[in-house]
């Protein structure tokens, strides 16, 4: 008598219900699909959790990955080429979208404003529009490993600040959460937009190429509290205390201040709090940070002056120091020689790969 296998037992655990903002995006999927963008299975109309029918552990099922708590943002796939993108809901023709579109339209390698790939209005509510951007990761995801990676970050963020200020835009919220990483070349097989250490199946670790080998670009995002002064107009003082970095001393609802000097302080504070404080071999940042974060805004440099100061500092950093591992300020001193030794062992194949790319013949 042939044995029959019993059907899988339903697994009723896991996020079987959509959050309120997931419901909002699910209801927009047909419209977004008509514009060429597909949301993940969880956000498709009629979705039912796959683990209910398969009996699998819900944590191994892709459709268990909830949207992060960012109601105005959703990840999507561009149907035409499979590119992973972010779609952001904005107010139609508001200052944020106007600034983003204006900067995105300028073709310049020094431009580090997030590219806007597409924009369109909501068909049911003309006061709502959508901006489509490349899918960007948090700057420290994956973590920085080598000093030169931090130097490259400083190069790009200061270059981008000069560009932005030269076009009359003061960001006013240049925290690390608003400077994101295009890691496309670091992940040759891609990654899941929520469970981003994995591939799309959320169970297989995504292979990663180091930043220096892959080449990365950092972008300013979110112009929600920015100020814009078109060419020929007078740059005025502003009011307001909004912004992630509340260390900025001049923020006030009553005393006007220069929004461009806020950017200088905030970027200097990023270099201090996110890098210099956390690693012991980044002390060369000290004179730049002290200059950029002075209490008196009038004593801070312009973006152009800060970039020039940084380039002078960078030119004096020895090559060995640049390509050494970042030494975490919390690592026990007794372990440091061992960590250095293992870094040297691991850097040997990386060095040969880099040399190979540099020496490879180029054919026209």
Protein backbone atom coordinates (compact mmCIF):
# COMPACT_ATOMS: atom_id res chain seq x y z
CA UNK A 1 0.00 0.00 0.00
CA UNK A 2 1.54 3.30 -1.10
CA UNK A 3 1.95 5.91 1.61
CA UNK A 4 0.53 9.34 0.95
CA UNK A 5 2.27 12.46 2.19
CA UNK A 6 0.24 14.76 4.37
CA UNK A 7 -0.23 18.36 3.21
CA UNK A 8 2.02 20.98 4.84
CA UNK A 9 0.72 22.38 8.08
CA UNK A 10 -0.07 26.10 7.81
CA UNK A 11 2.30 28.40 9.65
CA UNK A 12 0.23 31.20 11.17
CA UNK A 13 3.19 33.09 12.59
CA UNK A 14 4.88 36.06 11.00
CA UNK A 15 3.69 39.42 9.60
CA UNK A 16 0.47 38.17 8.01
CA UNK A 17 -1.12 41.63 8.02
CA UNK A 18 0.06 44.65 6.11
CA UNK A 19 0.80 47.87 7.97
CA UNK A 20 -1.30 50.92 7.13
CA UNK A 21 1.36 52.38 4.83
CA UNK A 22 1.93 48.99 3.17
CA UNK A 23 -1.80 48.97 2.39
CA UNK A 24 -1.43 52.43 0.87
CA UNK A 25 1.33 51.27 -1.48
CA UNK A 26 -0.50 48.01 -2.31
CA UNK A 27 -3.49 50.04 -3.47
CA UNK A 28 -1.21 52.11 -5.72
CA UNK A 29 0.45 49.08 -7.36
CA UNK A 30 -1.86 48.95 -10.41
CA UNK A 31 -1.10 52.62 -11.14
CA UNK A 32 2.63 52.19 -10.51
CA UNK A 33 2.59 49.13 -12.74
CA UNK A 34 1.10 51.23 -15.53
CA UNK A 35 4.05 53.59 -15.10
CA UNK A 36 6.52 50.72 -15.41
CA UNK A 37 7.28 49.89 -11.75
CA UNK A 38 6.53 46.65 -9.92
CA UNK A 39 6.32 46.31 -6.16
CA UNK A 40 7.36 43.15 -4.33
CA UNK A 41 4.85 40.25 -3.94
CA UNK A 42 3.90 41.39 -0.43
CA UNK A 43 2.55 44.64 -1.87
CA UNK A 44 0.62 43.08 -4.73
CA UNK A 45 -3.20 43.22 -4.63
CA UNK A 46 -4.60 39.90 -3.39
CA UNK A 47 -1.40 38.89 -1.60
CA UNK A 48 -1.62 36.07 0.90
CA UNK A 49 1.42 35.03 2.98
CA UNK A 50 3.25 32.23 1.20
CA UNK A 51 4.12 30.48 4.45
CA UNK A 52 0.44 29.88 5.23
CA UNK A 53 0.20 27.40 2.39
CA UNK A 54 3.72 25.98 2.40
CA UNK A 55 4.26 25.59 6.13
CA UNK A 56 7.75 27.12 5.77
CA UNK A 57 9.39 29.20 8.43
CA UNK A 58 8.13 32.68 7.61
CA UNK A 59 11.60 34.18 8.15
CA UNK A 60 12.86 32.30 5.10
CA UNK A 61 10.05 33.61 2.86
CA UNK A 62 10.73 36.76 0.85
CA UNK A 63 7.22 38.11 1.30
CA UNK A 64 7.68 38.29 5.07
CA UNK A 65 10.01 41.29 4.62
CA UNK A 66 8.02 44.29 5.77
CA UNK A 67 8.55 47.79 4.49
CA UNK A 68 10.71 49.83 6.90
CA UNK A 69 8.86 52.51 8.83
CA UNK A 70 9.20 55.16 6.14
CA UNK A 71 5.63 55.80 4.95
CA UNK A 72 6.60 58.02 1.99
CA UNK A 73 9.12 55.57 0.48
CA UNK A 74 8.74 52.21 -1.23
CA UNK A 75 11.21 49.99 -3.07
CA UNK A 76 10.24 48.85 -6.55
CA UNK A 77 11.66 47.20 -9.65
CA UNK A 78 11.72 49.06 -12.97
CA UNK A 79 10.02 46.61 -15.31
CA UNK A 80 12.00 47.64 -18.41
CA UNK A 81 15.40 46.56 -17.08
CA UNK A 82 14.94 45.06 -13.60
CA UNK A 83 16.68 48.01 -11.92
CA UNK A 84 15.97 48.41 -8.21
CA UNK A 85 14.59 51.88 -7.44
CA UNK A 86 13.01 53.91 -4.69
CA UNK A 87 9.70 55.70 -5.22
CA UNK A 88 9.01 58.68 -2.94
CA UNK A 89 5.70 60.43 -2.42
CA UNK A 90 6.00 64.24 -2.43
CA UNK A 91 3.67 67.21 -2.69
CA UNK A 92 3.24 68.21 -6.33
CA UNK A 93 5.63 70.99 -7.34
CA UNK A 94 6.81 71.53 -3.76
CA UNK A 95 10.23 72.96 -2.97
CA UNK A 96 11.73 69.54 -2.20
CA UNK A 97 10.87 68.06 -5.58
CA UNK A 98 11.73 71.29 -7.41
CA UNK A 99 15.23 71.34 -5.91
CA UNK A 100 15.77 67.63 -6.52
CA UNK A 101 14.68 67.90 -10.17
CA UNK A 102 16.72 71.07 -10.76
CA UNK A 103 19.95 69.59 -9.39
CA UNK A 104 19.39 66.20 -10.99
CA UNK A 105 19.15 67.81 -14.42
CA UNK A 106 22.71 69.20 -14.21
CA UNK A 107 25.23 66.87 -15.84
CA UNK A 108 28.41 67.32 -13.84
CA UNK A 109 30.65 64.69 -12.18
CA UNK A 110 30.80 66.92 -9.08
CA UNK A 111 27.02 66.68 -8.74
CA UNK A 112 26.18 64.48 -5.76
CA UNK A 113 22.48 65.22 -5.66
CA UNK A 114 20.35 62.09 -5.96
CA UNK A 115 19.40 61.43 -9.61
CA UNK A 116 15.70 61.65 -10.37
CA UNK A 117 14.90 58.93 -12.92
CA UNK A 118 11.20 59.66 -13.35
CA UNK A 119 8.37 61.73 -11.90
CA UNK A 120 4.59 61.61 -12.27
CA UNK A 121 1.39 62.75 -10.56
CA UNK A 122 -1.08 60.57 -8.69
CA UNK A 123 -4.17 60.09 -10.89
CA UNK A 124 -6.60 60.35 -7.95
CA UNK A 125 -4.98 63.22 -6.07
CA UNK A 126 -3.19 65.84 -8.15
CA UNK A 127 -1.59 67.30 -5.02
CA UNK A 128 0.53 64.13 -4.74
CA UNK A 129 3.42 63.27 -7.05
CA UNK A 130 6.12 60.61 -7.08
CA UNK A 131 9.87 60.84 -7.56
CA UNK A 132 11.70 57.74 -8.79
CA UNK A 133 15.32 57.46 -7.67
CA UNK A 134 18.01 54.79 -7.75
CA UNK A 135 17.87 52.49 -4.74
CA UNK A 136 20.51 53.79 -2.33
CA UNK A 137 21.86 52.23 0.86
CA UNK A 138 22.87 53.79 4.15
CA UNK A 139 26.42 55.10 3.82
CA UNK A 140 27.80 52.69 6.44
CA UNK A 141 26.05 49.63 5.01
CA UNK A 142 28.24 47.65 4.61
CA UNK A 143 30.66 49.14 7.17
CA UNK A 144 33.74 51.08 6.13
CA UNK A 145 36.91 48.98 6.41
CA UNK A 146 39.89 50.94 5.07
CA UNK A 147 41.05 54.52 5.72
CA UNK A 148 41.02 55.34 1.99
CA UNK A 149 37.31 54.53 1.88
CA UNK A 150 36.68 57.31 4.41
CA UNK A 151 38.95 59.66 2.46
CA UNK A 152 36.91 58.97 -0.67
CA UNK A 153 33.72 59.69 1.28
CA UNK A 154 35.14 63.04 2.45
CA UNK A 155 36.23 63.86 -1.13
CA UNK A 156 32.75 63.24 -2.46
CA UNK A 157 30.65 64.85 0.26
CA UNK A 158 32.73 68.05 0.23
CA UNK A 159 32.78 68.14 -3.58
CA UNK A 160 29.02 67.65 -3.59
CA UNK A 161 28.54 70.39 -1.01
CA UNK A 162 30.52 72.86 -3.14
CA UNK A 163 28.41 71.95 -6.17
CA UNK A 164 25.12 72.26 -4.27
CA UNK A 165 26.02 75.62 -2.72
CA UNK A 166 27.23 76.96 -6.07
CA UNK A 167 23.72 76.38 -7.39
CA UNK A 168 22.06 78.24 -4.55
CA UNK A 169 20.92 75.27 -2.48
CA UNK A 170 21.49 75.00 1.27
CA UNK A 171 20.51 71.47 2.27
CA UNK A 172 20.16 72.25 6.03
CA UNK A 173 20.06 68.56 7.02
CA UNK A 174 23.35 66.99 5.89
CA UNK A 175 23.36 64.21 8.47
CA UNK A 176 24.66 60.77 7.55
CA UNK A 177 21.05 59.57 7.09
CA UNK A 178 20.74 62.03 4.21
CA UNK A 179 23.99 61.09 2.46
CA UNK A 180 23.38 57.69 0.89
CA UNK A 181 25.47 55.15 -1.00
CA UNK A 182 25.01 53.84 -4.52
CA UNK A 183 26.39 50.33 -3.95
CA UNK A 184 25.32 48.91 -7.32
CA UNK A 185 28.86 47.86 -8.29
CA UNK A 186 29.58 46.40 -4.85
CA UNK A 187 26.86 43.78 -5.25
CA UNK A 188 27.34 41.98 -8.59
CA UNK A 189 24.35 39.69 -7.94
CA UNK A 190 22.22 42.41 -6.36
CA UNK A 191 20.65 42.41 -2.91
CA UNK A 192 17.23 42.41 -1.27
CA UNK A 193 15.95 45.96 -0.64
CA UNK A 194 14.92 45.25 2.97
CA UNK A 195 17.01 42.26 4.09
CA UNK A 196 19.96 43.80 2.32
CA UNK A 197 22.73 41.43 3.38
CA UNK A 198 20.95 38.74 1.36
CA UNK A 199 20.01 38.10 -2.25
CA UNK A 200 16.36 38.32 -3.27
CA UNK A 201 15.60 34.97 -1.61
CA UNK A 202 16.53 36.54 1.80
CA UNK A 203 18.41 33.35 2.73
CA UNK A 204 21.57 33.49 0.57
CA UNK A 205 24.22 36.02 1.59
CA UNK A 206 24.86 38.55 -1.17
CA UNK A 207 28.48 38.58 -2.43
CA UNK A 208 30.16 41.95 -1.81
CA UNK A 209 33.08 43.62 -3.60
CA UNK A 210 35.05 46.10 -1.41
CA UNK A 211 34.29 49.78 -2.03
CA UNK A 212 37.73 50.64 -3.38
CA UNK A 213 37.58 47.87 -5.96
CA UNK A 214 33.98 48.39 -6.99
CA UNK A 215 33.85 52.17 -7.09
CA UNK A 216 30.96 53.86 -5.30
CA UNK A 217 29.23 57.23 -5.31
CA UNK A 218 27.56 59.07 -2.44
CA UNK A 219 24.47 61.22 -2.90
CA UNK A 220 22.68 63.89 -0.91
CA UNK A 221 18.97 63.11 -0.55
CA UNK A 222 15.87 64.69 1.01
CA UNK A 223 15.53 68.41 0.40
CA UNK A 224 12.48 68.65 2.66
CA UNK A 225 13.79 71.58 4.74
CA UNK A 226 16.25 72.99 2.23
CA UNK A 227 16.52 76.61 1.07
CA UNK A 228 16.97 77.62 -2.56
CA UNK A 229 18.22 80.96 -3.86
CA UNK A 230 18.10 81.11 -7.68
CA UNK A 231 21.00 82.68 -9.56
CA UNK A 232 20.90 86.47 -9.28
CA UNK A 233 18.79 86.49 -6.12
CA UNK A 234 20.04 87.60 -2.71
CA UNK A 235 20.90 84.82 -0.26
CA UNK A 236 18.83 85.55 2.82
CA UNK A 237 18.98 84.41 6.43
CA UNK A 238 16.46 81.81 7.58
CA UNK A 239 14.66 80.57 10.71
CA UNK A 240 13.91 77.06 11.95
CA UNK A 241 15.16 74.35 14.28
CA UNK A 242 14.35 71.29 12.16
CA UNK A 243 17.10 68.85 11.22
CA UNK A 244 18.62 65.63 12.52
CA UNK A 245 21.77 67.35 13.81
CA UNK A 246 20.68 69.35 16.83
CA UNK A 247 24.30 70.19 17.73
CA UNK A 248 24.20 73.13 15.29
CA UNK A 249 24.50 76.07 17.74
CA UNK A 250 22.66 78.75 15.76
CA UNK A 251 19.40 76.89 15.06
CA UNK A 252 16.58 79.19 16.16
CA UNK A 253 12.96 80.07 15.48
CA UNK A 254 13.64 83.69 16.45
CA UNK A 255 17.19 84.69 15.43
CA UNK A 256 17.89 84.46 11.67
CA UNK A 257 20.98 82.54 10.55
CA UNK A 258 22.90 81.58 7.40
CA UNK A 259 21.64 78.17 6.13
CA UNK A 260 24.85 77.56 4.15
CA UNK A 261 26.93 77.73 7.34
CA UNK A 262 24.59 75.13 8.87
CA UNK A 263 25.66 72.72 6.12
CA UNK A 264 29.33 73.39 6.89
CA UNK A 265 28.84 72.60 10.58
CA UNK A 266 26.74 69.50 9.89
CA UNK A 267 29.21 67.96 7.44
CA UNK A 268 32.07 68.68 9.84
CA UNK A 269 30.04 67.07 12.62
CA UNK A 270 29.47 63.98 10.46
CA UNK A 271 33.21 63.62 9.95
CA UNK A 272 33.73 63.97 13.71
CA UNK A 273 30.90 61.90 15.19
CA UNK A 274 30.68 59.14 12.58
CA UNK A 275 34.35 58.69 11.73
CA UNK A 276 36.99 60.46 13.82
CA UNK A 277 35.34 59.51 17.13
CA UNK A 278 34.91 55.88 16.11
CA UNK A 279 38.37 55.20 14.65
CA UNK A 280 41.79 55.98 16.12
CA UNK A 281 43.66 56.47 12.83
CA UNK A 282 41.61 59.36 11.44
CA UNK A 283 43.09 62.13 13.60
CA UNK A 284 44.24 64.01 10.49
CA UNK A 285 40.62 65.24 10.21
CA UNK A 286 41.03 67.35 13.37
CA UNK A 287 41.99 70.75 11.86
CA UNK A 288 39.26 70.51 9.21
CA UNK A 289 36.60 69.48 11.74
CA UNK A 290 37.60 72.22 14.17
CA UNK A 291 37.40 74.80 11.38
CA UNK A 292 34.00 73.59 10.11
CA UNK A 293 32.32 73.27 13.52
CA UNK A 294 33.24 76.57 15.13
CA UNK A 295 30.48 77.99 17.29
CA UNK A 296 30.54 81.31 15.47
CA UNK A 297 29.17 80.64 11.97
CA UNK A 298 31.09 83.58 10.50
CA UNK A 299 34.37 81.85 11.41
CA UNK A 300 33.51 78.67 9.51
CA UNK A 301 34.89 78.24 5.98
CA UNK A 302 32.78 78.26 2.85
CA UNK A 303 32.25 74.90 1.17
CA UNK A 304 34.97 75.75 -1.37
CA UNK A 305 37.42 76.70 1.38
CA UNK A 306 36.65 73.50 3.31
CA UNK A 307 37.30 71.41 0.20
CA UNK A 308 40.62 73.20 -0.44
CA UNK A 309 41.67 72.68 3.19
CA UNK A 310 40.74 69.00 2.97
CA UNK A 311 42.71 68.48 -0.25
CA UNK A 312 45.80 70.00 1.38
CA UNK A 313 45.41 67.65 4.37
CA UNK A 314 44.80 64.63 2.15
CA UNK A 315 47.95 65.27 0.11
CA UNK A 316 50.04 64.87 3.28
CA UNK A 317 48.64 61.45 4.30
CA UNK A 318 51.11 58.63 3.63
CA UNK A 319 50.03 55.90 1.24
CA UNK A 320 50.51 53.17 3.89
CA UNK A 321 48.19 55.04 6.25
CA UNK A 322 45.61 55.51 3.51
CA UNK A 323 45.36 51.82 2.72
CA UNK A 324 45.47 50.58 6.30
CA UNK A 325 42.46 49.11 8.06
CA UNK A 326 40.26 51.38 10.17
CA UNK A 327 41.15 50.86 13.83
CA UNK A 328 38.00 50.89 15.91
CA UNK A 329 38.33 53.05 19.00
CA UNK A 330 36.68 50.29 21.07
CA UNK A 331 39.06 47.50 20.10
CA UNK A 332 41.31 46.33 22.98
CA UNK A 333 44.93 47.51 22.44
CA UNK A 334 46.22 44.00 23.15
CA UNK A 335 44.24 42.65 20.18
CA UNK A 336 45.46 45.33 17.77
CA UNK A 337 48.61 43.49 16.55
CA UNK A 338 46.55 40.38 15.79
CA UNK A 339 43.90 42.40 13.94
CA UNK A 340 46.64 44.15 11.97
CA UNK A 341 48.22 40.80 11.10
CA UNK A 342 44.96 39.32 9.83
CA UNK A 343 44.30 42.49 7.84
CA UNK A 344 47.68 42.10 6.11
CA UNK A 345 46.90 38.48 5.25
CA UNK A 346 43.51 39.43 3.84
CA UNK A 347 44.88 42.40 1.90
CA UNK A 348 47.36 40.38 -0.14
CA UNK A 349 44.82 38.96 -2.65
CA UNK A 350 43.06 42.33 -2.75
CA UNK A 351 46.34 44.06 -3.61
CA UNK A 352 46.99 41.64 -6.49
CA UNK A 353 43.47 42.19 -7.82
CA UNK A 354 43.95 45.95 -7.76
CA UNK A 355 47.36 45.69 -9.45
CA UNK A 356 45.89 43.38 -12.07
CA UNK A 357 43.23 45.90 -12.94
CA UNK A 358 45.75 48.73 -13.11
CA UNK A 359 48.15 46.78 -15.37
CA UNK A 360 45.51 45.18 -17.59
CA UNK A 361 45.96 46.31 -21.23
CA UNK A 362 43.26 48.58 -22.55
CA UNK A 363 42.07 48.02 -26.09
CA UNK A 364 40.36 50.76 -28.03
